[in-house]
Amino acid sequence: MGRRQSKNTLNNRKINMTPPESRNTTPARSEKPKREDEEEMDLKNYLRKMTETFKEETRKSLKEIEGKTSKKLHEMEEKTNQKIQEVNKSLKESKESQEKITKQVKEALKTVQGMKAEIDTIKKTENEVMLERERLDK
């Protein structure tokens, strides 16, 4: 009997030691890979949605940044054009002022030249008068 009990024990061990793949699978176990595939697909879909959402938010953000940048650039262009107009106006005024001053200087030079001529005429006349006096005194 000891021998039979040993055989039964060995047979029992052999049955218990069979790998899970060779055992009869139950329907619950056949659904497990489907569930894993479904979960994997759900995760992939979730990741796709997250990626699409991220892309969309990034596009919106970039459009907003582009709009703000464009607005700032336009404002800066307007300010620059305004400053250029102010500088041009100032240059025009300076040029007009310079022309006015140049005209006044030319007029002053004419006056000075006229006075010089008068002085020269007066000196000549004085010299002639002095010469005439000296001649008369002699």
C-alpha atoms as a PDB file:
ATOM      1  CA  MET A   1       0.000   0.000   0.000  1.00  0.00           C
ATOM      2  CA  GLY A   2       2.798   2.351   0.632  1.00  0.00           C
ATOM      3  CA  ARG A   3       3.720   2.031  -2.937  1.00  0.00           C
ATOM      4  CA  ARG A   4       0.266   2.865  -4.205  1.00  0.00           C
ATOM      5  CA  GLN A   5       0.047   5.885  -2.024  1.00  0.00           C
ATOM      6  CA  SER A   6       3.335   7.049  -3.499  1.00  0.00           C
ATOM      7  CA  LYS A   7       2.021   6.628  -7.015  1.00  0.00           C
ATOM      8  CA  ASN A   8      -1.127   8.541  -6.225  1.00  0.00           C
ATOM      9  CA  THR A   9       0.875  11.301  -4.674  1.00  0.00           C
ATOM     10  CA  LEU A  10       3.110  11.477  -7.735  1.00  0.00           C
ATOM     11  CA  ASN A  11       0.092  11.443 -10.048  1.00  0.00           C
ATOM     12  CA  ASN A  12      -1.508  14.197  -8.019  1.00  0.00           C
ATOM     13  CA  ARG A  13       1.665  16.228  -8.241  1.00  0.00           C
ATOM     14  CA  LYS A  14       1.881  15.733 -11.977  1.00  0.00           C
ATOM     15  CA  ILE A  15      -1.662  17.002 -12.453  1.00  0.00           C
ATOM     16  CA  ASN A  16      -1.026  20.020 -10.296  1.00  0.00           C
ATOM     17  CA  MET A  17       2.278  20.779 -11.998  1.00  0.00           C
ATOM     18  CA  THR A  18       0.910  21.068 -15.508  1.00  0.00           C
ATOM     19  CA  PRO A  19       1.502  24.515 -16.975  1.00  0.00           C
ATOM     20  CA  PRO A  20      -1.488  26.904 -17.092  1.00  0.00           C
ATOM     21  CA  GLU A  21      -1.400  26.975 -20.925  1.00  0.00           C
ATOM     22  CA  SER A  22      -2.196  23.236 -21.163  1.00  0.00           C
ATOM     23  CA  ARG A  23      -5.094  23.412 -18.688  1.00  0.00           C
ATOM     24  CA  ASN A  24      -8.598  24.025 -19.894  1.00  0.00           C
ATOM     25  CA  THR A  25      -9.171  27.751 -20.048  1.00  0.00           C
ATOM     26  CA  THR A  26     -12.295  29.187 -18.590  1.00  0.00           C
ATOM     27  CA  PRO A  27     -14.305  31.896 -20.414  1.00  0.00           C
ATOM     28  CA  ALA A  28     -13.217  34.489 -17.827  1.00  0.00           C
ATOM     29  CA  ARG A  29      -9.585  33.947 -18.782  1.00  0.00           C
ATOM     30  CA  SER A  30     -10.295  34.280 -22.515  1.00  0.00           C
ATOM     31  CA  GLU A  31     -11.936  37.653 -21.836  1.00  0.00           C
ATOM     32  CA  LYS A  32      -8.907  38.946 -19.995  1.00  0.00           C
ATOM     33  CA  PRO A  33      -6.828  39.580 -23.148  1.00  0.00           C
ATOM     34  CA  LYS A  34      -9.839  41.300 -24.694  1.00  0.00           C
ATOM     35  CA  ARG A  35     -10.147  43.494 -21.622  1.00  0.00           C
ATOM     36  CA  GLU A  36      -6.444  44.297 -21.775  1.00  0.00           C
ATOM     37  CA  ASP A  37      -6.767  45.140 -25.491  1.00  0.00           C
ATOM     38  CA  GLU A  38      -9.784  47.312 -24.750  1.00  0.00           C
ATOM     39  CA  GLU A  39      -7.940  49.053 -21.935  1.00  0.00           C
ATOM     40  CA  GLU A  40      -4.943  49.538 -24.199  1.00  0.00           C
ATOM     41  CA  MET A  41      -7.190  50.972 -26.930  1.00  0.00           C
ATOM     42  CA  ASP A  42      -8.888  53.217 -24.370  1.00  0.00           C
ATOM     43  CA  LEU A  43      -5.499  54.457 -23.203  1.00  0.00           C
ATOM     44  CA  LYS A  44      -4.393  55.039 -26.794  1.00  0.00           C
ATOM     45  CA  ASN A  45      -7.590  56.954 -27.540  1.00  0.00           C
ATOM     46  CA  TYR A  46      -7.180  58.980 -24.357  1.00  0.00           C
ATOM     47  CA  LEU A  47      -3.584  59.750 -25.292  1.00  0.00           C
ATOM     48  CA  ARG A  48      -4.693  60.764 -28.822  1.00  0.00           C
ATOM     49  CA  LYS A  49      -7.358  63.047 -27.372  1.00  0.00           C
ATOM     50  CA  MET A  50      -4.860  64.562 -24.962  1.00  0.00           C
ATOM     51  CA  THR A  51      -2.418  65.110 -27.831  1.00  0.00           C
ATOM     52  CA  GLU A  52      -5.106  66.702 -30.003  1.00  0.00           C
ATOM     53  CA  THR A  53      -6.210  68.919 -27.124  1.00  0.00           C
ATOM     54  CA  PHE A  54      -2.616  69.948 -26.479  1.00  0.00           C
ATOM     55  CA  LYS A  55      -2.083  70.726 -30.168  1.00  0.00           C
ATOM     56  CA  GLU A  56      -5.291  72.751 -30.327  1.00  0.00           C
ATOM     57  CA  GLU A  57      -4.446  74.700 -27.169  1.00  0.00           C
ATOM     58  CA  THR A  58      -0.947  75.302 -28.504  1.00  0.00           C
ATOM     59  CA  ARG A  59      -2.374  76.590 -31.814  1.00  0.00           C
ATOM     60  CA  LYS A  60      -4.763  78.889 -29.967  1.00  0.00           C
ATOM     61  CA  SER A  61      -1.975  80.154 -27.752  1.00  0.00           C
ATOM     62  CA  LEU A  62       0.296  80.779 -30.747  1.00  0.00           C
ATOM     63  CA  LYS A  63      -2.498  82.615 -32.582  1.00  0.00           C
ATOM     64  CA  GLU A  64      -3.071  84.754 -29.490  1.00  0.00           C
ATOM     65  CA  ILE A  65       0.641  85.496 -29.207  1.00  0.00           C
ATOM     66  CA  GLU A  66       0.782  86.280 -32.922  1.00  0.00           C
ATOM     67  CA  GLY A  67      -2.185  88.632 -32.578  1.00  0.00           C
ATOM     68  CA  LYS A  68      -0.660  90.449 -29.610  1.00  0.00           C
ATOM     69  CA  THR A  69       2.712  90.667 -31.364  1.00  0.00           C
ATOM     70  CA  SER A  70       1.090  91.985 -34.535  1.00  0.00           C
ATOM     71  CA  LYS A  71      -0.844  94.579 -32.529  1.00  0.00           C
ATOM     72  CA  LYS A  72       2.323  95.693 -30.684  1.00  0.00           C
ATOM     73  CA  LEU A  73       4.228  95.871 -33.972  1.00  0.00           C
ATOM     74  CA  HIS A  74       1.476  97.986 -35.519  1.00  0.00           C
ATOM     75  CA  GLU A  75       1.510 100.326 -32.499  1.00  0.00           C
ATOM     76  CA  MET A  76       5.292 100.615 -32.711  1.00  0.00           C
ATOM     77  CA  GLU A  77       5.103 101.362 -36.445  1.00  0.00           C
ATOM     78  CA  GLU A  78       2.542 104.101 -35.780  1.00  0.00           C
ATOM     79  CA  LYS A  79       4.700 105.625 -33.028  1.00  0.00           C
ATOM     80  CA  THR A  80       7.769 105.440 -35.269  1.00  0.00           C
ATOM     81  CA  ASN A  81       5.930 107.096 -38.154  1.00  0.00           C
ATOM     82  CA  GLN A  82       4.673 109.797 -35.779  1.00  0.00           C
ATOM     83  CA  LYS A  83       8.215 110.439 -34.504  1.00  0.00           C
ATOM     84  CA  ILE A  84       9.506 110.569 -38.096  1.00  0.00           C
ATOM     85  CA  GLN A  85       6.845 113.163 -38.935  1.00  0.00           C
ATOM     86  CA  GLU A  86       7.814 115.196 -35.871  1.00  0.00           C
ATOM     87  CA  VAL A  87      11.500 115.044 -36.812  1.00  0.00           C
ATOM     88  CA  ASN A  88      10.714 116.032 -40.416  1.00  0.00           C
ATOM     89  CA  LYS A  89       8.608 118.947 -39.171  1.00  0.00           C
ATOM     90  CA  SER A  90      11.404 120.015 -36.844  1.00  0.00           C
ATOM     91  CA  LEU A  91      13.932 119.757 -39.685  1.00  0.00           C
ATOM     92  CA  LYS A  92      11.686 121.833 -41.931  1.00  0.00           C
ATOM     93  CA  GLU A  93      11.305 124.470 -39.217  1.00  0.00           C
ATOM     94  CA  SER A  94      15.065 124.443 -38.648  1.00  0.00           C
ATOM     95  CA  LYS A  95      15.690 124.819 -42.366  1.00  0.00           C
ATOM     96  CA  GLU A  96      13.209 127.690 -42.575  1.00  0.00           C
ATOM     97  CA  SER A  97      14.820 129.315 -39.551  1.00  0.00           C
ATOM     98  CA  GLN A  98      18.273 128.814 -41.058  1.00  0.00           C
ATOM     99  CA  GLU A  99      17.128 130.331 -44.354  1.00  0.00           C
ATOM    100  CA  LYS A 100      15.642 133.299 -42.476  1.00  0.00           C
ATOM    101  CA  ILE A 101      18.878 133.789 -40.523  1.00  0.00           C
ATOM    102  CA  THR A 102      20.929 133.458 -43.720  1.00  0.00           C
ATOM    103  CA  LYS A 103      18.760 136.127 -45.351  1.00  0.00           C
ATOM    104  CA  GLN A 104      19.192 138.412 -42.328  1.00  0.00           C
ATOM    105  CA  VAL A 105      22.969 137.862 -42.364  1.00  0.00           C
ATOM    106  CA  LYS A 106      23.112 138.683 -46.087  1.00  0.00           C
ATOM    107  CA  GLU A 107      21.109 141.850 -45.466  1.00  0.00           C
ATOM    108  CA  ALA A 108      23.417 142.751 -42.573  1.00  0.00           C
ATOM    109  CA  LEU A 109      26.449 142.170 -44.834  1.00  0.00           C
ATOM    110  CA  LYS A 110      24.958 144.456 -47.477  1.00  0.00           C
ATOM    111  CA  THR A 111      24.349 147.077 -44.811  1.00  0.00           C
ATOM    112  CA  VAL A 112      27.888 146.696 -43.494  1.00  0.00           C
ATOM    113  CA  GLN A 113      29.312 146.914 -47.040  1.00  0.00           C
ATOM    114  CA  GLY A 114      27.200 150.013 -47.664  1.00  0.00           C
ATOM    115  CA  MET A 115      28.461 151.573 -44.431  1.00  0.00           C
ATOM    116  CA  LYS A 116      32.042 150.672 -45.363  1.00  0.00           C
ATOM    117  CA  ALA A 117      31.582 152.375 -48.682  1.00  0.00           C
ATOM    118  CA  GLU A 118      30.169 155.427 -46.902  1.00  0.00           C
ATOM    119  CA  ILE A 119      33.072 155.411 -44.460  1.00  0.00           C
ATOM    120  CA  ASP A 120      35.522 155.160 -47.317  1.00  0.00           C
ATOM    121  CA  THR A 121      33.756 158.053 -49.051  1.00  0.00           C
ATOM    122  CA  ILE A 122      33.838 160.078 -45.840  1.00  0.00           C
ATOM    123  CA  LYS A 123      37.551 159.296 -45.347  1.00  0.00           C
ATOM    124  CA  LYS A 124      38.266 160.348 -48.918  1.00  0.00           C
ATOM    125  CA  THR A 125      36.347 163.501 -48.420  1.00  0.00           C
ATOM    126  CA  GLU A 126      38.177 164.180 -45.151  1.00  0.00           C
ATOM    127  CA  ASN A 127      41.517 163.553 -46.817  1.00  0.00           C
ATOM    128  CA  GLU A 128      40.586 165.850 -49.646  1.00  0.00           C
ATOM    129  CA  VAL A 129      39.402 168.472 -47.167  1.00  0.00           C
ATOM    130  CA  MET A 130      42.635 168.194 -45.193  1.00  0.00           C
ATOM    131  CA  LEU A 131      44.706 168.416 -48.315  1.00  0.00           C
ATOM    132  CA  GLU A 132      42.714 171.434 -49.371  1.00  0.00           C
ATOM    133  CA  ARG A 133      43.240 173.013 -45.940  1.00  0.00           C
ATOM    134  CA  GLU A 134      46.947 172.358 -46.056  1.00  0.00           C
ATOM    135  CA  ARG A 135      47.085 173.861 -49.486  1.00  0.00           C
ATOM    136  CA  LEU A 136      45.162 176.875 -48.349  1.00  0.00           C
ATOM    137  CA  ASP A 137      47.275 177.253 -45.258  1.00  0.00           C
ATOM    138  CA  LYS A 138      50.364 177.444 -47.350  1.00  0.00           C
END
